[in-house]
Amino acid sequence: MPKVKPITAMKQRLQESLSDLAEQEEVIELVRRAIETYDLKPMDVFSEDELGAALAPDPVDESIPYCDRAGNTWAGKGRRPTWLVEAIEAGAALEDFRNPSYSG
């Protein structure tokens, strides 16, 4: 039978995590309202370097031919994955997802 003390500690950590998440959601809502109220744009809040770093794609393994900014990848063989099919149906072109560092 499990001991009460470890389970109580786990419960406490879970409650703290839930509290942190609730606080984070409140802050996000406040930020969204401030953005809307003051018509803020990203360049009003962040430097050009910060914006560039946020927009720069993460490097993808050069052996992977297709990828997106969310980290989804496709080897170019077999059925196209759902993320790619949905993007193409929404108007994107397959070439929009070509990995620029692909070596194949």
Protein backbone atom coordinates (compact mmCIF):
# COMPACT_ATOMS: atom_id res chain seq x y z
CA MET A 1 0.00 0.00 0.00
CA PRO A 2 1.39 3.46 -0.89
CA LYS A 3 2.58 5.67 1.90
CA VAL A 4 0.54 8.79 2.61
CA LYS A 5 3.48 11.22 2.85
CA PRO A 6 4.72 10.85 -0.79
CA ILE A 7 1.18 11.07 -2.13
CA THR A 8 0.51 14.18 -0.04
CA ALA A 9 3.71 15.76 -1.39
CA MET A 10 2.64 14.94 -4.97
CA LYS A 11 -0.78 16.46 -4.30
CA GLN A 12 0.86 19.63 -2.98
CA ARG A 13 3.12 19.93 -6.06
CA LEU A 14 0.11 19.40 -8.34
CA GLN A 15 -1.90 22.07 -6.53
CA GLU A 16 1.04 24.49 -6.81
CA SER A 17 1.35 23.77 -10.53
CA LEU A 18 -2.37 24.34 -11.05
CA SER A 19 -2.16 27.60 -9.14
CA ASP A 20 0.79 28.72 -11.30
CA LEU A 21 -1.14 27.86 -14.47
CA ALA A 22 -4.20 29.79 -13.31
CA GLU A 23 -2.02 32.82 -12.54
CA GLN A 24 -0.34 32.54 -15.94
CA GLU A 25 -3.73 32.46 -17.67
CA GLU A 26 -4.78 35.61 -15.80
CA VAL A 27 -1.61 37.41 -16.84
CA ILE A 28 -2.04 36.36 -20.47
CA GLU A 29 -5.58 37.72 -20.45
CA LEU A 30 -4.36 41.03 -18.98
CA VAL A 31 -1.67 41.28 -21.67
CA ARG A 32 -4.21 40.55 -24.41
CA ARG A 33 -6.51 43.29 -23.10
CA ALA A 34 -3.62 45.77 -22.93
CA ILE A 35 -2.60 44.92 -26.51
CA GLU A 36 -6.15 45.48 -27.70
CA THR A 37 -6.72 48.63 -25.65
CA TYR A 38 -3.51 50.35 -26.73
CA ASP A 39 -3.35 48.84 -30.23
CA LEU A 40 0.14 47.52 -29.52
CA LYS A 41 2.23 45.90 -32.23
CA PRO A 42 5.13 43.46 -31.65
CA MET A 43 7.69 46.18 -32.48
CA ASP A 44 6.23 48.34 -29.69
CA VAL A 45 7.20 45.71 -27.13
CA PHE A 46 10.18 43.81 -28.54
CA SER A 47 13.49 44.85 -30.10
CA GLU A 48 14.33 43.96 -33.70
CA ASP A 49 16.76 41.30 -32.46
CA GLU A 50 14.08 39.70 -30.27
CA LEU A 51 11.57 39.74 -33.13
CA GLY A 52 14.11 38.29 -35.54
CA ALA A 53 15.01 35.51 -33.14
CA ALA A 54 11.33 34.69 -32.58
CA LEU A 55 10.62 34.58 -36.30
CA ALA A 56 13.74 32.69 -37.34
CA PRO A 57 12.94 29.05 -37.98
CA ASP A 58 14.62 26.50 -35.78
CA PRO A 59 17.28 24.55 -37.64
CA VAL A 60 15.96 21.27 -39.00
CA ASP A 61 18.01 18.17 -39.72
CA GLU A 62 19.33 18.48 -43.28
CA SER A 63 18.11 14.96 -44.08
CA ILE A 64 14.44 16.02 -43.70
CA PRO A 65 12.99 17.51 -46.90
CA TYR A 66 9.77 19.08 -45.55
CA CYS A 67 8.99 20.83 -42.29
CA ASP A 68 6.93 23.63 -40.77
CA ARG A 69 7.56 26.24 -38.09
CA ALA A 70 5.77 24.10 -35.48
CA GLY A 71 8.40 21.37 -35.78
CA ASN A 72 6.35 18.98 -37.92
CA THR A 73 8.36 17.08 -40.50
CA TRP A 74 7.77 14.81 -43.47
CA ALA A 75 10.32 12.64 -45.26
CA GLY A 76 8.57 13.12 -48.60
CA LYS A 77 7.63 9.45 -48.83
CA GLY A 78 4.30 7.79 -48.19
CA ARG A 79 1.08 9.60 -47.35
CA ARG A 80 1.34 13.26 -46.58
CA PRO A 81 0.81 13.96 -42.88
CA THR A 82 -2.34 15.70 -41.71
CA TRP A 83 -0.53 18.96 -40.85
CA LEU A 84 0.74 19.21 -44.43
CA VAL A 85 -2.54 18.21 -46.08
CA GLU A 86 -4.43 20.80 -44.02
CA ALA A 87 -1.91 23.53 -44.85
CA ILE A 88 -2.11 22.78 -48.57
CA GLU A 89 -5.91 22.73 -48.45
CA ALA A 90 -5.75 26.13 -46.74
CA GLY A 91 -3.82 27.52 -49.71
CA ALA A 92 -0.16 26.81 -49.01
CA ALA A 93 2.08 25.19 -51.60
CA LEU A 94 4.17 22.10 -50.96
CA GLU A 95 7.30 24.13 -51.73
CA ASP A 96 6.43 26.47 -48.83
CA PHE A 97 7.49 23.61 -46.55
CA ARG A 98 10.73 22.71 -48.30
CA ASN A 99 13.54 22.57 -45.73
CA PRO A 100 16.14 25.11 -46.89
CA SER A 101 18.94 23.04 -45.37
CA TYR A 102 17.79 19.79 -47.02
CA SER A 103 20.77 18.07 -48.62
CA GLY A 104 18.99 15.38 -50.63
